[in-house]
Amino acid sequence: MEKVILLLVNLSALYLGLGALFALIFLARWIYTLDESAQGSPFTFRLMILPGCVLLWPVLLRKYLMKIRKS
């Protein structure tokens, strides 16, 4: 049972780590591709959506890839 819990903790840490890395890149460069109205938004806006980007990074990555594939 202890090994299962350790595995779940490690997988969660990996997921959140990848999410944090993705969120930094997404908020610095790719957000304007998905949402043109984010252009010129204040830094506080990016701070507010950072947790959502970290948690929902697979969804945002898929949307971004679909958007650039159409372009």
PDB file of N, CA and C in Angstrom:
ATOM      1  N   MET A   1       0.820  -1.195   0.000  1.00  0.00           N
ATOM      2  CA  MET A   1       0.000   0.000   0.000  1.00  0.00           C
ATOM      3  C   MET A   1       0.868   1.266   0.000  1.00  0.00           C
ATOM      4  N   GLU A   2       1.974   1.190   0.721  1.00  0.00           N
ATOM      5  CA  GLU A   2       2.868   2.337   0.805  1.00  0.00           C
ATOM      6  C   GLU A   2       3.476   2.671  -0.562  1.00  0.00           C
ATOM      7  N   LYS A   3       3.765   1.633  -1.333  1.00  0.00           N
ATOM      8  CA  LYS A   3       4.334   1.843  -2.671  1.00  0.00           C
ATOM      9  C   LYS A   3       3.322   2.511  -3.602  1.00  0.00           C
ATOM     10  N   VAL A   4       2.065   2.147  -3.467  1.00  0.00           N
ATOM     11  CA  VAL A   4       1.012   2.737  -4.291  1.00  0.00           C
ATOM     12  C   VAL A   4       0.870   4.220  -3.969  1.00  0.00           C
ATOM     13  N   ILE A   5       0.881   4.546  -2.690  1.00  0.00           N
ATOM     14  CA  ILE A   5       0.771   5.949  -2.281  1.00  0.00           C
ATOM     15  C   ILE A   5       1.970   6.743  -2.777  1.00  0.00           C
ATOM     16  N   LEU A   6       3.158   6.178  -2.638  1.00  0.00           N
ATOM     17  CA  LEU A   6       4.368   6.842  -3.118  1.00  0.00           C
ATOM     18  C   LEU A   6       4.313   7.059  -4.632  1.00  0.00           C
ATOM     19  N   LEU A   7       3.811   6.074  -5.359  1.00  0.00           N
ATOM     20  CA  LEU A   7       3.666   6.205  -6.806  1.00  0.00           C
ATOM     21  C   LEU A   7       2.688   7.325  -7.155  1.00  0.00           C
ATOM     22  N   LEU A   8       1.566   7.401  -6.457  1.00  0.00           N
ATOM     23  CA  LEU A   8       0.584   8.459  -6.712  1.00  0.00           C
ATOM     24  C   LEU A   8       1.145   9.838  -6.398  1.00  0.00           C
ATOM     25  N   VAL A   9       1.912   9.945  -5.327  1.00  0.00           N
ATOM     26  CA  VAL A   9       2.530  11.226  -4.976  1.00  0.00           C
ATOM     27  C   VAL A   9       3.542  11.624  -6.045  1.00  0.00           C
ATOM     28  N   ASN A  10       4.338  10.681  -6.503  1.00  0.00           N
ATOM     29  CA  ASN A  10       5.329  10.976  -7.533  1.00  0.00           C
ATOM     30  C   ASN A  10       4.681  11.356  -8.863  1.00  0.00           C
ATOM     31  N   LEU A  11       3.625  10.655  -9.227  1.00  0.00           N
ATOM     32  CA  LEU A  11       2.916  10.994 -10.466  1.00  0.00           C
ATOM     33  C   LEU A  11       2.261  12.371 -10.371  1.00  0.00           C
ATOM     34  N   SER A  12       1.722  12.690  -9.209  1.00  0.00           N
ATOM     35  CA  SER A  12       1.126  14.019  -9.011  1.00  0.00           C
ATOM     36  C   SER A  12       2.183  15.109  -9.099  1.00  0.00           C
ATOM     37  N   ALA A  13       3.340  14.860  -8.505  1.00  0.00           N
ATOM     38  CA  ALA A  13       4.432  15.832  -8.569  1.00  0.00           C
ATOM     39  C   ALA A  13       4.907  16.017 -10.008  1.00  0.00           C
ATOM     40  N   LEU A  14       4.994  14.940 -10.762  1.00  0.00           N
ATOM     41  CA  LEU A  14       5.397  15.022 -12.167  1.00  0.00           C
ATOM     42  C   LEU A  14       4.375  15.821 -12.971  1.00  0.00           C
ATOM     43  N   TYR A  15       3.093  15.540 -12.765  1.00  0.00           N
ATOM     44  CA  TYR A  15       2.023  16.242 -13.469  1.00  0.00           C
ATOM     45  C   TYR A  15       2.068  17.738 -13.175  1.00  0.00           C
ATOM     46  N   LEU A  16       2.213  18.090 -11.903  1.00  0.00           N
ATOM     47  CA  LEU A  16       2.254  19.503 -11.523  1.00  0.00           C
ATOM     48  C   LEU A  16       3.540  20.175 -11.995  1.00  0.00           C
ATOM     49  N   GLY A  17       4.638  19.451 -11.994  1.00  0.00           N
ATOM     50  CA  GLY A  17       5.889  20.007 -12.502  1.00  0.00           C
ATOM     51  C   GLY A  17       5.810  20.307 -13.983  1.00  0.00           C
ATOM     52  N   LEU A  18       5.277  19.363 -14.745  1.00  0.00           N
ATOM     53  CA  LEU A  18       5.083  19.602 -16.183  1.00  0.00           C
ATOM     54  C   LEU A  18       4.094  20.737 -16.409  1.00  0.00           C
ATOM     55  N   GLY A  19       3.070  20.792 -15.577  1.00  0.00           N
ATOM     56  CA  GLY A  19       2.080  21.861 -15.680  1.00  0.00           C
ATOM     57  C   GLY A  19       2.686  23.223 -15.404  1.00  0.00           C
ATOM     58  N   ALA A  20       3.557  23.304 -14.417  1.00  0.00           N
ATOM     59  CA  ALA A  20       4.207  24.582 -14.099  1.00  0.00           C
ATOM     60  C   ALA A  20       5.118  25.021 -15.235  1.00  0.00           C
ATOM     61  N   LEU A  21       5.870  24.091 -15.788  1.00  0.00           N
ATOM     62  CA  LEU A  21       6.741  24.418 -16.927  1.00  0.00           C
ATOM     63  C   LEU A  21       5.910  24.875 -18.121  1.00  0.00           C
ATOM     64  N   PHE A  22       4.854  24.137 -18.419  1.00  0.00           N
ATOM     65  CA  PHE A  22       3.976  24.519 -19.520  1.00  0.00           C
ATOM     66  C   PHE A  22       3.362  25.889 -19.285  1.00  0.00           C
ATOM     67  N   ALA A  23       2.878  26.137 -18.065  1.00  0.00           N
ATOM     68  CA  ALA A  23       2.207  27.402 -17.765  1.00  0.00           C
ATOM     69  C   ALA A  23       3.141  28.589 -17.964  1.00  0.00           C
ATOM     70  N   LEU A  24       4.388  28.446 -17.574  1.00  0.00           N
ATOM     71  CA  LEU A  24       5.339  29.547 -17.765  1.00  0.00           C
ATOM     72  C   LEU A  24       5.535  29.858 -19.243  1.00  0.00           C
ATOM     73  N   ILE A  25       5.687  28.828 -20.044  1.00  0.00           N
ATOM     74  CA  ILE A  25       5.853  29.035 -21.488  1.00  0.00           C
ATOM     75  C   ILE A  25       4.561  29.563 -22.106  1.00  0.00           C
ATOM     76  N   PHE A  26       3.452  28.962 -21.730  1.00  0.00           N
ATOM     77  CA  PHE A  26       2.159  29.352 -22.279  1.00  0.00           C
ATOM     78  C   PHE A  26       1.844  30.809 -21.980  1.00  0.00           C
ATOM     79  N   LEU A  27       2.032  31.213 -20.743  1.00  0.00           N
ATOM     80  CA  LEU A  27       1.685  32.579 -20.357  1.00  0.00           C
ATOM     81  C   LEU A  27       2.671  33.602 -20.913  1.00  0.00           C
ATOM     82  N   ALA A  28       3.871  33.182 -21.208  1.00  0.00           N
ATOM     83  CA  ALA A  28       4.852  34.110 -21.758  1.00  0.00           C
ATOM     84  C   ALA A  28       4.700  34.286 -23.269  1.00  0.00           C
ATOM     85  N   ARG A  29       4.303  33.233 -23.980  1.00  0.00           N
ATOM     86  CA  ARG A  29       4.318  33.297 -25.441  1.00  0.00           C
ATOM     87  C   ARG A  29       3.031  32.872 -26.131  1.00  0.00           C
ATOM     88  N   TRP A  30       2.444  31.777 -25.697  1.00  0.00           N
ATOM     89  CA  TRP A  30       1.385  31.144 -26.475  1.00  0.00           C
ATOM     90  C   TRP A  30      -0.020  31.628 -26.160  1.00  0.00           C
ATOM     91  N   ILE A  31      -0.213  32.352 -25.097  1.00  0.00           N
ATOM     92  CA  ILE A  31      -1.566  32.753 -24.706  1.00  0.00           C
ATOM     93  C   ILE A  31      -2.232  33.604 -25.785  1.00  0.00           C
ATOM     94  N   TYR A  32      -1.435  34.400 -26.482  1.00  0.00           N
ATOM     95  CA  TYR A  32      -1.996  35.292 -27.505  1.00  0.00           C
ATOM     96  C   TYR A  32      -2.501  34.510 -28.718  1.00  0.00           C
ATOM     97  N   THR A  33      -1.976  33.309 -28.923  1.00  0.00           N
ATOM     98  CA  THR A  33      -2.444  32.474 -30.020  1.00  0.00           C
ATOM     99  C   THR A  33      -3.867  31.999 -29.766  1.00  0.00           C
ATOM    100  N   LEU A  34      -4.172  31.669 -28.522  1.00  0.00           N
ATOM    101  CA  LEU A  34      -5.512  31.172 -28.189  1.00  0.00           C
ATOM    102  C   LEU A  34      -6.491  32.286 -27.872  1.00  0.00           C
ATOM    103  N   ASP A  35      -6.004  33.370 -27.289  1.00  0.00           N
ATOM    104  CA  ASP A  35      -6.891  34.444 -26.869  1.00  0.00           C
ATOM    105  C   ASP A  35      -6.275  35.790 -27.229  1.00  0.00           C
ATOM    106  N   GLU A  36      -6.721  36.347 -28.335  1.00  0.00           N
ATOM    107  CA  GLU A  36      -6.168  37.616 -28.800  1.00  0.00           C
ATOM    108  C   GLU A  36      -6.484  38.769 -27.852  1.00  0.00           C
ATOM    109  N   SER A  37      -7.563  38.647 -27.085  1.00  0.00           N
ATOM    110  CA  SER A  37      -7.914  39.720 -26.160  1.00  0.00           C
ATOM    111  C   SER A  37      -6.959  39.777 -24.964  1.00  0.00           C
ATOM    112  N   ALA A  38      -6.112  38.768 -24.788  1.00  0.00           N
ATOM    113  CA  ALA A  38      -5.127  38.778 -23.705  1.00  0.00           C
ATOM    114  C   ALA A  38      -3.953  39.700 -24.029  1.00  0.00           C
ATOM    115  N   GLN A  39      -3.873  40.137 -25.277  1.00  0.00           N
ATOM    116  CA  GLN A  39      -2.804  41.051 -25.691  1.00  0.00           C
ATOM    117  C   GLN A  39      -2.902  42.337 -24.871  1.00  0.00           C
ATOM    118  N   GLY A  40      -1.817  42.702 -24.231  1.00  0.00           N
ATOM    119  CA  GLY A  40      -1.796  43.919 -23.440  1.00  0.00           C
ATOM    120  C   GLY A  40      -2.426  43.791 -22.065  1.00  0.00           C
ATOM    121  N   SER A  41      -2.751  42.569 -21.668  1.00  0.00           N
ATOM    122  CA  SER A  41      -3.348  42.380 -20.343  1.00  0.00           C
ATOM    123  C   SER A  41      -2.278  42.576 -19.270  1.00  0.00           C
ATOM    124  N   PRO A  42      -2.688  43.011 -18.086  1.00  0.00           N
ATOM    125  CA  PRO A  42      -1.705  43.256 -17.025  1.00  0.00           C
ATOM    126  C   PRO A  42      -1.124  41.956 -16.474  1.00  0.00           C
ATOM    127  N   PHE A  43       0.005  42.081 -15.814  1.00  0.00           N
ATOM    128  CA  PHE A  43       0.687  40.939 -15.210  1.00  0.00           C
ATOM    129  C   PHE A  43      -0.206  40.228 -14.196  1.00  0.00           C
ATOM    130  N   THR A  44      -1.040  40.978 -13.506  1.00  0.00           N
ATOM    131  CA  THR A  44      -1.919  40.376 -12.498  1.00  0.00           C
ATOM    132  C   THR A  44      -2.912  39.396 -13.123  1.00  0.00           C
ATOM    133  N   PHE A  45      -3.304  39.655 -14.373  1.00  0.00           N
ATOM    134  CA  PHE A  45      -4.193  38.728 -15.073  1.00  0.00           C
ATOM    135  C   PHE A  45      -3.510  37.370 -15.237  1.00  0.00           C
ATOM    136  N   ARG A  46      -2.245  37.404 -15.629  1.00  0.00           N
ATOM    137  CA  ARG A  46      -1.507  36.142 -15.803  1.00  0.00           C
ATOM    138  C   ARG A  46      -1.343  35.414 -14.471  1.00  0.00           C
ATOM    139  N   LEU A  47      -1.142  36.167 -13.404  1.00  0.00           N
ATOM    140  CA  LEU A  47      -1.037  35.536 -12.086  1.00  0.00           C
ATOM    141  C   LEU A  47      -2.347  34.870 -11.685  1.00  0.00           C
ATOM    142  N   MET A  48      -3.458  35.490 -12.060  1.00  0.00           N
ATOM    143  CA  MET A  48      -4.763  34.920 -11.706  1.00  0.00           C
ATOM    144  C   MET A  48      -5.042  33.616 -12.448  1.00  0.00           C
ATOM    145  N   ILE A  49      -4.609  33.505 -13.690  1.00  0.00           N
ATOM    146  CA  ILE A  49      -4.916  32.296 -14.451  1.00  0.00           C
ATOM    147  C   ILE A  49      -3.813  31.242 -14.367  1.00  0.00           C
ATOM    148  N   LEU A  50      -2.727  31.559 -13.690  1.00  0.00           N
ATOM    149  CA  LEU A  50      -1.615  30.613 -13.554  1.00  0.00           C
ATOM    150  C   LEU A  50      -2.037  29.280 -12.938  1.00  0.00           C
ATOM    151  N   PRO A  51      -2.769  29.246 -11.817  1.00  0.00           N
ATOM    152  CA  PRO A  51      -3.149  27.937 -11.260  1.00  0.00           C
ATOM    153  C   PRO A  51      -3.989  27.088 -12.219  1.00  0.00           C
ATOM    154  N   GLY A  52      -4.877  27.723 -12.939  1.00  0.00           N
ATOM    155  CA  GLY A  52      -5.686  26.985 -13.906  1.00  0.00           C
ATOM    156  C   GLY A  52      -4.852  26.433 -15.042  1.00  0.00           C
ATOM    157  N   CYS A  53      -3.861  27.192 -15.483  1.00  0.00           N
ATOM    158  CA  CYS A  53      -2.966  26.723 -16.543  1.00  0.00           C
ATOM    159  C   CYS A  53      -2.140  25.533 -16.074  1.00  0.00           C
ATOM    160  N   VAL A  54      -1.706  25.576 -14.820  1.00  0.00           N
ATOM    161  CA  VAL A  54      -0.917  24.461 -14.273  1.00  0.00           C
ATOM    162  C   VAL A  54      -1.761  23.197 -14.220  1.00  0.00           C
ATOM    163  N   LEU A  55      -2.997  23.313 -13.775  1.00  0.00           N
ATOM    164  CA  LEU A  55      -3.849  22.134 -13.624  1.00  0.00           C
ATOM    165  C   LEU A  55      -4.433  21.632 -14.943  1.00  0.00           C
ATOM    166  N   LEU A  56      -4.723  22.545 -15.846  1.00  0.00           N
ATOM    167  CA  LEU A  56      -5.377  22.162 -17.103  1.00  0.00           C
ATOM    168  C   LEU A  56      -4.425  22.175 -18.299  1.00  0.00           C
ATOM    169  N   TRP A  57      -3.138  21.958 -18.044  1.00  0.00           N
ATOM    170  CA  TRP A  57      -2.168  22.084 -19.122  1.00  0.00           C
ATOM    171  C   TRP A  57      -2.389  21.115 -20.279  1.00  0.00           C
ATOM    172  N   PRO A  58      -2.877  19.877 -20.080  1.00  0.00           N
ATOM    173  CA  PRO A  58      -3.105  19.032 -21.263  1.00  0.00           C
ATOM    174  C   PRO A  58      -4.191  19.597 -22.191  1.00  0.00           C
ATOM    175  N   VAL A  59      -5.223  20.187 -21.604  1.00  0.00           N
ATOM    176  CA  VAL A  59      -6.314  20.771 -22.402  1.00  0.00           C
ATOM    177  C   VAL A  59      -5.795  21.976 -23.193  1.00  0.00           C
ATOM    178  N   LEU A  60      -5.045  22.842 -22.521  1.00  0.00           N
ATOM    179  CA  LEU A  60      -4.514  24.036 -23.186  1.00  0.00           C
ATOM    180  C   LEU A  60      -3.497  23.674 -24.262  1.00  0.00           C
ATOM    181  N   LEU A  61      -2.669  22.676 -23.988  1.00  0.00           N
ATOM    182  CA  LEU A  61      -1.694  22.240 -24.986  1.00  0.00           C
ATOM    183  C   LEU A  61      -2.397  21.698 -26.221  1.00  0.00           C
ATOM    184  N   ARG A  62      -3.443  20.924 -26.022  1.00  0.00           N
ATOM    185  CA  ARG A  62      -4.188  20.381 -27.163  1.00  0.00           C
ATOM    186  C   ARG A  62      -4.846  21.497 -27.980  1.00  0.00           C
ATOM    187  N   LYS A  63      -5.447  22.470 -27.281  1.00  0.00           N
ATOM    188  CA  LYS A  63      -6.065  23.599 -27.988  1.00  0.00           C
ATOM    189  C   LYS A  63      -5.026  24.393 -28.765  1.00  0.00           C
ATOM    190  N   TYR A  64      -3.876  24.601 -28.158  1.00  0.00           N
ATOM    191  CA  TYR A  64      -2.811  25.344 -28.831  1.00  0.00           C
ATOM    192  C   TYR A  64      -2.333  24.590 -30.078  1.00  0.00           C
ATOM    193  N   LEU A  65      -2.119  23.288 -29.944  1.00  0.00           N
ATOM    194  CA  LEU A  65      -1.645  22.503 -31.093  1.00  0.00           C
ATOM    195  C   LEU A  65      -2.682  22.475 -32.210  1.00  0.00           C
ATOM    196  N   MET A  66      -3.961  22.384 -31.855  1.00  0.00           N
ATOM    197  CA  MET A  66      -5.004  22.396 -32.878  1.00  0.00           C
ATOM    198  C   MET A  66      -5.067  23.750 -33.579  1.00  0.00           C
ATOM    199  N   LYS A  67      -4.867  24.816 -32.804  1.00  0.00           N
ATOM    200  CA  LYS A  67      -4.920  26.168 -33.371  1.00  0.00           C
ATOM    201  C   LYS A  67      -3.760  26.406 -34.342  1.00  0.00           C
ATOM    202  N   ILE A  68      -2.547  25.999 -33.975  1.00  0.00           N
ATOM    203  CA  ILE A  68      -1.417  26.230 -34.880  1.00  0.00           C
ATOM    204  C   ILE A  68      -1.462  25.292 -36.073  1.00  0.00           C
ATOM    205  N   ARG A  69      -2.103  24.134 -35.918  1.00  0.00           N
ATOM    206  CA  ARG A  69      -2.240  23.219 -37.053  1.00  0.00           C
ATOM    207  C   ARG A  69      -3.172  23.804 -38.119  1.00  0.00           C
ATOM    208  N   LYS A  70      -4.201  24.564 -37.667  1.00  0.00           N
ATOM    209  CA  LYS A  70      -5.127  25.193 -38.593  1.00  0.00           C
ATOM    210  C   LYS A  70      -4.488  26.372 -39.333  1.00  0.00           C
ATOM    211  N   SER A  71      -3.532  27.008 -38.688  1.00  0.00           N
ATOM    212  CA  SER A  71      -2.914  28.202 -39.283  1.00  0.00           C
ATOM    213  C   SER A  71      -2.020  27.881 -40.449  1.00  0.00           C
TER     214      SER A  71
END
